[in-house]
PDB file of N, CA and C in Angstrom:
ATOM      1  N   MET A   1     -65.104   0.128 125.260  1.00  0.00           N
ATOM      2  CA  MET A   1     -64.832  -0.892 126.246  1.00  0.00           C
ATOM      3  C   MET A   1     -66.125  -1.383 126.907  1.00  0.00           C
ATOM      4  N   ALA A   2     -67.074  -0.484 127.129  1.00  0.00           N
ATOM      5  CA  ALA A   2     -68.337  -0.889 127.755  1.00  0.00           C
ATOM      6  C   ALA A   2     -69.095  -1.855 126.857  1.00  0.00           C
ATOM      7  N   GLY A   3     -69.030  -1.617 125.545  1.00  0.00           N
ATOM      8  CA  GLY A   3     -69.687  -2.515 124.596  1.00  0.00           C
ATOM      9  C   GLY A   3     -69.084  -3.904 124.633  1.00  0.00           C
ATOM     10  N   ARG A   4     -67.771  -3.979 124.739  1.00  0.00           N
ATOM     11  CA  ARG A   4     -67.079  -5.272 124.814  1.00  0.00           C
ATOM     12  C   ARG A   4     -67.484  -6.010 126.082  1.00  0.00           C
ATOM     13  N   ASN A   5     -67.544  -5.305 127.197  1.00  0.00           N
ATOM     14  CA  ASN A   5     -67.946  -5.932 128.463  1.00  0.00           C
ATOM     15  C   ASN A   5     -69.371  -6.460 128.386  1.00  0.00           C
ATOM     16  N   LEU A   6     -70.240  -5.699 127.753  1.00  0.00           N
ATOM     17  CA  LEU A   6     -71.625  -6.142 127.586  1.00  0.00           C
ATOM     18  C   LEU A   6     -71.674  -7.403 126.725  1.00  0.00           C
ATOM     19  N   ASN A   7     -70.981  -7.387 125.593  1.00  0.00           N
ATOM     20  CA  ASN A   7     -70.957  -8.562 124.713  1.00  0.00           C
ATOM     21  C   ASN A   7     -70.391  -9.782 125.425  1.00  0.00           C
ATOM     22  N   ASP A   8     -69.353  -9.594 126.206  1.00  0.00           N
ATOM     23  CA  ASP A   8     -68.722 -10.709 126.914  1.00  0.00           C
ATOM     24  C   ASP A   8     -69.642 -11.319 127.966  1.00  0.00           C
ATOM     25  N   SER A   9     -70.549 -10.531 128.505  1.00  0.00           N
ATOM     26  CA  SER A   9     -71.421 -11.023 129.571  1.00  0.00           C
ATOM     27  C   SER A   9     -72.699 -11.698 129.061  1.00  0.00           C
ATOM     28  N   VAL A  10     -72.994 -11.571 127.779  1.00  0.00           N
ATOM     29  CA  VAL A  10     -74.249 -12.105 127.231  1.00  0.00           C
ATOM     30  C   VAL A  10     -74.381 -13.618 127.397  1.00  0.00           C
ATOM     31  N   PRO A  11     -73.367 -14.437 127.050  1.00  0.00           N
ATOM     32  CA  PRO A  11     -73.552 -15.889 127.207  1.00  0.00           C
ATOM     33  C   PRO A  11     -73.903 -16.315 128.632  1.00  0.00           C
ATOM     34  N   SER A  12     -73.212 -15.789 129.619  1.00  0.00           N
ATOM     35  CA  SER A  12     -73.516 -16.187 131.000  1.00  0.00           C
ATOM     36  C   SER A  12     -74.891 -15.672 131.427  1.00  0.00           C
ATOM     37  N   PHE A  13     -75.270 -14.497 130.968  1.00  0.00           N
ATOM     38  CA  PHE A  13     -76.604 -13.957 131.245  1.00  0.00           C
ATOM     39  C   PHE A  13     -77.676 -14.880 130.665  1.00  0.00           C
ATOM     40  N   LEU A  14     -77.488 -15.305 129.417  1.00  0.00           N
ATOM     41  CA  LEU A  14     -78.464 -16.181 128.768  1.00  0.00           C
ATOM     42  C   LEU A  14     -78.562 -17.529 129.470  1.00  0.00           C
ATOM     43  N   VAL A  15     -77.430 -18.134 129.783  1.00  0.00           N
ATOM     44  CA  VAL A  15     -77.438 -19.444 130.443  1.00  0.00           C
ATOM     45  C   VAL A  15     -78.134 -19.351 131.792  1.00  0.00           C
ATOM     46  N   LYS A  16     -77.831 -18.320 132.545  1.00  0.00           N
ATOM     47  CA  LYS A  16     -78.452 -18.131 133.858  1.00  0.00           C
ATOM     48  C   LYS A  16     -79.973 -18.033 133.728  1.00  0.00           C
ATOM     49  N   ASN A  17     -80.440 -17.236 132.777  1.00  0.00           N
ATOM     50  CA  ASN A  17     -81.880 -17.042 132.612  1.00  0.00           C
ATOM     51  C   ASN A  17     -82.571 -18.250 131.993  1.00  0.00           C
ATOM     52  N   ILE A  18     -81.908 -18.913 131.072  1.00  0.00           N
ATOM     53  CA  ILE A  18     -82.467 -20.140 130.492  1.00  0.00           C
ATOM     54  C   ILE A  18     -82.618 -21.188 131.579  1.00  0.00           C
ATOM     55  N   ASN A  19     -81.599 -21.325 132.402  1.00  0.00           N
ATOM     56  CA  ASN A  19     -81.613 -22.313 133.484  1.00  0.00           C
ATOM     57  C   ASN A  19     -82.759 -22.043 134.458  1.00  0.00           C
ATOM     58  N   LYS A  20     -83.039 -20.782 134.727  1.00  0.00           N
ATOM     59  CA  LYS A  20     -84.136 -20.409 135.626  1.00  0.00           C
ATOM     60  C   LYS A  20     -85.499 -20.733 135.025  1.00  0.00           C
ATOM     61  N   LYS A  21     -85.652 -20.517 133.723  1.00  0.00           N
ATOM     62  CA  LYS A  21     -86.958 -20.620 133.064  1.00  0.00           C
ATOM     63  C   LYS A  21     -87.337 -22.046 132.658  1.00  0.00           C
ATOM     64  N   LEU A  22     -86.356 -22.897 132.394  1.00  0.00           N
ATOM     65  CA  LEU A  22     -86.664 -24.256 131.949  1.00  0.00           C
ATOM     66  C   LEU A  22     -87.211 -25.099 133.088  1.00  0.00           C
ATOM     67  N   LYS A  23     -88.144 -25.959 132.755  1.00  0.00           N
ATOM     68  CA  LYS A  23     -88.626 -26.921 133.741  1.00  0.00           C
ATOM     69  C   LYS A  23     -87.506 -27.899 134.043  1.00  0.00           C
ATOM     70  N   LYS A  24     -87.463 -28.379 135.271  1.00  0.00           N
ATOM     71  CA  LYS A  24     -86.424 -29.312 135.681  1.00  0.00           C
ATOM     72  C   LYS A  24     -86.404 -30.526 134.748  1.00  0.00           C
ATOM     73  N   GLY A  25     -85.225 -30.878 134.290  1.00  0.00           N
ATOM     74  CA  GLY A  25     -85.061 -32.019 133.401  1.00  0.00           C
ATOM     75  C   GLY A  25     -85.206 -31.682 131.926  1.00  0.00           C
ATOM     76  N   SER A  26     -85.630 -30.457 131.612  1.00  0.00           N
ATOM     77  CA  SER A  26     -85.769 -30.045 130.211  1.00  0.00           C
ATOM     78  C   SER A  26     -84.400 -29.756 129.615  1.00  0.00           C
ATOM     79  N   ARG A  27     -84.319 -29.912 128.305  1.00  0.00           N
ATOM     80  CA  ARG A  27     -83.084 -29.609 127.595  1.00  0.00           C
ATOM     81  C   ARG A  27     -83.412 -28.787 126.359  1.00  0.00           C
ATOM     82  N   ILE A  28     -82.394 -28.221 125.758  1.00  0.00           N
ATOM     83  CA  ILE A  28     -82.544 -27.350 124.598  1.00  0.00           C
ATOM     84  C   ILE A  28     -82.071 -28.084 123.347  1.00  0.00           C
ATOM     85  N   LEU A  29     -82.788 -27.901 122.251  1.00  0.00           N
ATOM     86  CA  LEU A  29     -82.361 -28.391 120.945  1.00  0.00           C
ATOM     87  C   LEU A  29     -81.795 -27.200 120.184  1.00  0.00           C
ATOM     88  N   LEU A  30     -80.528 -27.248 119.866  1.00  0.00           N
ATOM     89  CA  LEU A  30     -79.869 -26.166 119.137  1.00  0.00           C
ATOM     90  C   LEU A  30     -79.848 -26.523 117.658  1.00  0.00           C
ATOM     91  N   LEU A  31     -80.428 -25.681 116.836  1.00  0.00           N
ATOM     92  CA  LEU A  31     -80.544 -25.977 115.409  1.00  0.00           C
ATOM     93  C   LEU A  31     -79.531 -25.238 114.547  1.00  0.00           C
ATOM     94  N   GLY A  32     -78.835 -24.280 115.083  1.00  0.00           N
ATOM     95  CA  GLY A  32     -77.841 -23.570 114.282  1.00  0.00           C
ATOM     96  C   GLY A  32     -77.154 -22.484 115.073  1.00  0.00           C
ATOM     97  N   LEU A  33     -76.065 -22.000 114.515  1.00  0.00           N
ATOM     98  CA  LEU A  33     -75.291 -20.916 115.116  1.00  0.00           C
ATOM     99  C   LEU A  33     -75.006 -19.874 114.047  1.00  0.00           C
ATOM    100  N   SER A  34     -74.749 -18.677 114.474  1.00  0.00           N
ATOM    101  CA  SER A  34     -74.323 -17.656 113.518  1.00  0.00           C
ATOM    102  C   SER A  34     -73.258 -16.783 114.171  1.00  0.00           C
ATOM    103  N   PHE A  35     -72.499 -16.127 113.334  1.00  0.00           N
ATOM    104  CA  PHE A  35     -71.483 -15.209 113.834  1.00  0.00           C
ATOM    105  C   PHE A  35     -71.489 -13.986 112.928  1.00  0.00           C
ATOM    106  N   LYS A  36     -70.849 -14.087 111.776  1.00  0.00           N
ATOM    107  CA  LYS A  36     -70.860 -13.001 110.805  1.00  0.00           C
ATOM    108  C   LYS A  36     -71.142 -13.588 109.430  1.00  0.00           C
ATOM    109  N   GLU A  37     -71.908 -12.893 108.664  1.00  0.00           N
ATOM    110  CA  GLU A  37     -72.250 -13.354 107.323  1.00  0.00           C
ATOM    111  C   GLU A  37     -71.003 -13.484 106.452  1.00  0.00           C
ATOM    112  N   ASN A  38     -70.930 -14.583 105.726  1.00  0.00           N
ATOM    113  CA  ASN A  38     -69.851 -14.843 104.764  1.00  0.00           C
ATOM    114  C   ASN A  38     -68.455 -14.841 105.380  1.00  0.00           C
ATOM    115  N   VAL A  39     -68.343 -15.219 106.638  1.00  0.00           N
ATOM    116  CA  VAL A  39     -67.046 -15.303 107.309  1.00  0.00           C
ATOM    117  C   VAL A  39     -66.895 -16.709 107.866  1.00  0.00           C
ATOM    118  N   GLY A  40     -65.830 -17.394 107.464  1.00  0.00           N
ATOM    119  CA  GLY A  40     -65.599 -18.763 107.916  1.00  0.00           C
ATOM    120  C   GLY A  40     -64.917 -18.857 109.267  1.00  0.00           C
ATOM    121  N   ASP A  41     -64.430 -17.753 109.775  1.00  0.00           N
ATOM    122  CA  ASP A  41     -63.682 -17.729 111.031  1.00  0.00           C
ATOM    123  C   ASP A  41     -64.641 -17.480 112.192  1.00  0.00           C
ATOM    124  N   ILE A  42     -64.743 -18.444 113.113  1.00  0.00           N
ATOM    125  CA  ILE A  42     -65.671 -18.277 114.242  1.00  0.00           C
ATOM    126  C   ILE A  42     -64.945 -18.036 115.568  1.00  0.00           C
ATOM    127  N   ARG A  43     -63.642 -17.732 115.494  1.00  0.00           N
ATOM    128  CA  ARG A  43     -62.919 -17.407 116.732  1.00  0.00           C
ATOM    129  C   ARG A  43     -63.600 -16.228 117.420  1.00  0.00           C
ATOM    130  N   ASN A  44     -63.627 -16.263 118.708  1.00  0.00           N
ATOM    131  CA  ASN A  44     -64.241 -15.206 119.532  1.00  0.00           C
ATOM    132  C   ASN A  44     -65.756 -15.119 119.383  1.00  0.00           C
ATOM    133  N   SER A  45     -66.369 -16.135 118.791  1.00  0.00           N
ATOM    134  CA  SER A  45     -67.822 -16.148 118.652  1.00  0.00           C
ATOM    135  C   SER A  45     -68.472 -16.428 120.004  1.00  0.00           C
ATOM    136  N   LYS A  46     -69.370 -15.578 120.404  1.00  0.00           N
ATOM    137  CA  LYS A  46     -70.080 -15.777 121.666  1.00  0.00           C
ATOM    138  C   LYS A  46     -71.057 -16.939 121.550  1.00  0.00           C
ATOM    139  N   SER A  47     -71.444 -17.297 120.328  1.00  0.00           N
ATOM    140  CA  SER A  47     -72.318 -18.457 120.127  1.00  0.00           C
ATOM    141  C   SER A  47     -71.643 -19.734 120.610  1.00  0.00           C
ATOM    142  N   ILE A  48     -70.364 -19.882 120.304  1.00  0.00           N
ATOM    143  CA  ILE A  48     -69.611 -21.066 120.725  1.00  0.00           C
ATOM    144  C   ILE A  48     -69.498 -21.093 122.247  1.00  0.00           C
ATOM    145  N   GLU A  49     -69.221 -19.946 122.834  1.00  0.00           N
ATOM    146  CA  GLU A  49     -69.139 -19.849 124.298  1.00  0.00           C
ATOM    147  C   GLU A  49     -70.483 -20.214 124.938  1.00  0.00           C
ATOM    148  N   LEU A  50     -71.570 -19.766 124.330  1.00  0.00           N
ATOM    149  CA  LEU A  50     -72.909 -20.081 124.829  1.00  0.00           C
ATOM    150  C   LEU A  50     -73.152 -21.588 124.800  1.00  0.00           C
ATOM    151  N   VAL A  51     -72.804 -22.238 123.697  1.00  0.00           N
ATOM    152  CA  VAL A  51     -72.985 -23.688 123.572  1.00  0.00           C
ATOM    153  C   VAL A  51     -72.190 -24.422 124.648  1.00  0.00           C
ATOM    154  N   LYS A  52     -70.944 -24.027 124.847  1.00  0.00           N
ATOM    155  CA  LYS A  52     -70.105 -24.676 125.867  1.00  0.00           C
ATOM    156  C   LYS A  52     -70.716 -24.516 127.254  1.00  0.00           C
ATOM    157  N   SER A  53     -71.222 -23.335 127.544  1.00  0.00           N
ATOM    158  CA  SER A  53     -71.834 -23.090 128.855  1.00  0.00           C
ATOM    159  C   SER A  53     -73.117 -23.893 129.035  1.00  0.00           C
ATOM    160  N   LEU A  54     -73.921 -23.996 127.985  1.00  0.00           N
ATOM    161  CA  LEU A  54     -75.153 -24.786 128.058  1.00  0.00           C
ATOM    162  C   LEU A  54     -74.833 -26.264 128.265  1.00  0.00           C
ATOM    163  N   LYS A  55     -73.803 -26.758 127.577  1.00  0.00           N
ATOM    164  CA  LYS A  55     -73.399 -28.156 127.744  1.00  0.00           C
ATOM    165  C   LYS A  55     -72.896 -28.409 129.161  1.00  0.00           C
ATOM    166  N   LYS A  56     -72.135 -27.470 129.685  1.00  0.00           N
ATOM    167  CA  LYS A  56     -71.584 -27.610 131.042  1.00  0.00           C
ATOM    168  C   LYS A  56     -72.702 -27.738 132.075  1.00  0.00           C
ATOM    169  N   LYS A  57     -73.808 -27.040 131.844  1.00  0.00           N
ATOM    170  CA  LYS A  57     -74.958 -27.086 132.755  1.00  0.00           C
ATOM    171  C   LYS A  57     -75.918 -28.221 132.403  1.00  0.00           C
ATOM    172  N   ASN A  58     -75.549 -29.033 131.397  1.00  0.00           N
ATOM    173  CA  ASN A  58     -76.371 -30.150 130.917  1.00  0.00           C
ATOM    174  C   ASN A  58     -77.742 -29.672 130.422  1.00  0.00           C
ATOM    175  N   LEU A  59     -77.757 -28.514 129.784  1.00  0.00           N
ATOM    176  CA  LEU A  59     -78.993 -27.963 129.233  1.00  0.00           C
ATOM    177  C   LEU A  59     -79.099 -28.215 127.736  1.00  0.00           C
ATOM    178  N   LEU A  60     -78.036 -28.726 127.143  1.00  0.00           N
ATOM    179  CA  LEU A  60     -77.999 -28.937 125.699  1.00  0.00           C
ATOM    180  C   LEU A  60     -77.686 -30.381 125.409  1.00  0.00           C
TER     181      LEU A  60
END
């Protein structure tokens, strides 16, 4: 359960820290996403959650 909680908190941790480190008005260029090798199903992918959070903050 602790591992799941850690994984679930990673996107918000990254967005918070990216937002702090970027110069005002800067944006991110996202070139790709990954989840699991040779798996077409991306449900529950934290990469997708990260993208949504970055877009919400207008960082992407």
